[in-house]
């Protein structure tokens, strides 16, 4: 019974992920062609894209305090 519940829940989560994600993309006009501000306003001083590993470290430092 638990396996059936797990499978049904997994299928519902996957279906919701794709349907709600597409809905959000339509409503907010999301697109992969949109560039982030660090690329649009790149000046080499203030607006610089961060390296993913540095960004991950800053994320955890902000959470940990």
C-alpha atoms as a PDB file:
ATOM      1  CA  UNK A   1       0.000   0.000   0.000  1.00  0.00           C
ATOM      2  CA  UNK A   2       2.822   2.361   0.845  1.00  0.00           C
ATOM      3  CA  UNK A   3       4.506   1.715  -2.507  1.00  0.00           C
ATOM      4  CA  UNK A   4       1.294   2.552  -4.370  1.00  0.00           C
ATOM      5  CA  UNK A   5       0.911   5.763  -2.379  1.00  0.00           C
ATOM      6  CA  UNK A   6       4.522   6.678  -3.152  1.00  0.00           C
ATOM      7  CA  UNK A   7       4.128   6.013  -6.881  1.00  0.00           C
ATOM      8  CA  UNK A   8       0.881   7.979  -7.109  1.00  0.00           C
ATOM      9  CA  UNK A   9       2.463  10.881  -5.214  1.00  0.00           C
ATOM     10  CA  UNK A  10       5.552  10.825  -7.437  1.00  0.00           C
ATOM     11  CA  UNK A  11       3.443  10.858 -10.608  1.00  0.00           C
ATOM     12  CA  UNK A  12       1.336  13.737  -9.281  1.00  0.00           C
ATOM     13  CA  UNK A  13       4.414  15.755  -8.310  1.00  0.00           C
ATOM     14  CA  UNK A  14       6.012  15.258 -11.732  1.00  0.00           C
ATOM     15  CA  UNK A  15       2.773  16.184 -13.509  1.00  0.00           C
ATOM     16  CA  UNK A  16       2.357  19.279 -11.327  1.00  0.00           C
ATOM     17  CA  UNK A  17       5.988  20.271 -11.922  1.00  0.00           C
ATOM     18  CA  UNK A  18       5.537  20.366 -15.677  1.00  0.00           C
ATOM     19  CA  UNK A  19       2.007  21.776 -15.830  1.00  0.00           C
ATOM     20  CA  UNK A  20       2.495  24.472 -13.189  1.00  0.00           C
ATOM     21  CA  UNK A  21       5.953  25.310 -14.551  1.00  0.00           C
ATOM     22  CA  UNK A  22       4.555  25.862 -18.032  1.00  0.00           C
ATOM     23  CA  UNK A  23       1.718  27.925 -16.559  1.00  0.00           C
ATOM     24  CA  UNK A  24       4.202  30.151 -14.703  1.00  0.00           C
ATOM     25  CA  UNK A  25       6.314  30.560 -17.841  1.00  0.00           C
ATOM     26  CA  UNK A  26       3.258  31.689 -19.803  1.00  0.00           C
ATOM     27  CA  UNK A  27       1.981  34.075 -17.122  1.00  0.00           C
ATOM     28  CA  UNK A  28       5.329  35.746 -16.381  1.00  0.00           C
ATOM     29  CA  UNK A  29       6.806  35.527 -19.868  1.00  0.00           C
ATOM     30  CA  UNK A  30       9.791  33.453 -18.761  1.00  0.00           C
ATOM     31  CA  UNK A  31      12.291  32.498 -21.408  1.00  0.00           C
ATOM     32  CA  UNK A  32      15.811  31.100 -21.598  1.00  0.00           C
ATOM     33  CA  UNK A  33      16.720  33.943 -23.960  1.00  0.00           C
ATOM     34  CA  UNK A  34      16.366  36.482 -21.121  1.00  0.00           C
ATOM     35  CA  UNK A  35      19.764  37.398 -19.699  1.00  0.00           C
ATOM     36  CA  UNK A  36      20.415  38.071 -16.009  1.00  0.00           C
ATOM     37  CA  UNK A  37      21.369  41.609 -14.909  1.00  0.00           C
ATOM     38  CA  UNK A  38      24.984  40.527 -14.330  1.00  0.00           C
ATOM     39  CA  UNK A  39      25.296  39.883 -18.068  1.00  0.00           C
ATOM     40  CA  UNK A  40      23.153  42.780 -19.307  1.00  0.00           C
ATOM     41  CA  UNK A  41      24.856  45.452 -17.173  1.00  0.00           C
ATOM     42  CA  UNK A  42      28.344  43.867 -17.092  1.00  0.00           C
ATOM     43  CA  UNK A  43      30.880  46.609 -16.339  1.00  0.00           C
ATOM     44  CA  UNK A  44      33.666  44.613 -14.698  1.00  0.00           C
ATOM     45  CA  UNK A  45      33.175  46.301 -11.306  1.00  0.00           C
ATOM     46  CA  UNK A  46      29.682  46.055  -9.828  1.00  0.00           C
ATOM     47  CA  UNK A  47      27.800  43.770 -12.174  1.00  0.00           C
ATOM     48  CA  UNK A  48      29.959  40.689 -12.639  1.00  0.00           C
ATOM     49  CA  UNK A  49      28.626  37.135 -12.998  1.00  0.00           C
ATOM     50  CA  UNK A  50      29.750  35.009 -10.052  1.00  0.00           C
ATOM     51  CA  UNK A  51      31.396  31.641 -10.476  1.00  0.00           C
ATOM     52  CA  UNK A  52      28.897  28.904  -9.454  1.00  0.00           C
ATOM     53  CA  UNK A  53      31.107  27.550  -6.644  1.00  0.00           C
ATOM     54  CA  UNK A  54      31.538  31.036  -5.150  1.00  0.00           C
ATOM     55  CA  UNK A  55      27.823  31.668  -5.449  1.00  0.00           C
ATOM     56  CA  UNK A  56      27.070  28.392  -3.650  1.00  0.00           C
ATOM     57  CA  UNK A  57      29.445  29.364  -0.838  1.00  0.00           C
ATOM     58  CA  UNK A  58      27.775  32.765  -0.444  1.00  0.00           C
ATOM     59  CA  UNK A  59      24.385  31.056  -0.360  1.00  0.00           C
ATOM     60  CA  UNK A  60      25.355  28.775   2.534  1.00  0.00           C
ATOM     61  CA  UNK A  61      27.155  31.591   4.367  1.00  0.00           C
ATOM     62  CA  UNK A  62      23.976  33.667   4.237  1.00  0.00           C
ATOM     63  CA  UNK A  63      21.944  30.792   5.636  1.00  0.00           C
ATOM     64  CA  UNK A  64      24.433  29.949   8.392  1.00  0.00           C
ATOM     65  CA  UNK A  65      24.861  33.566   9.422  1.00  0.00           C
END
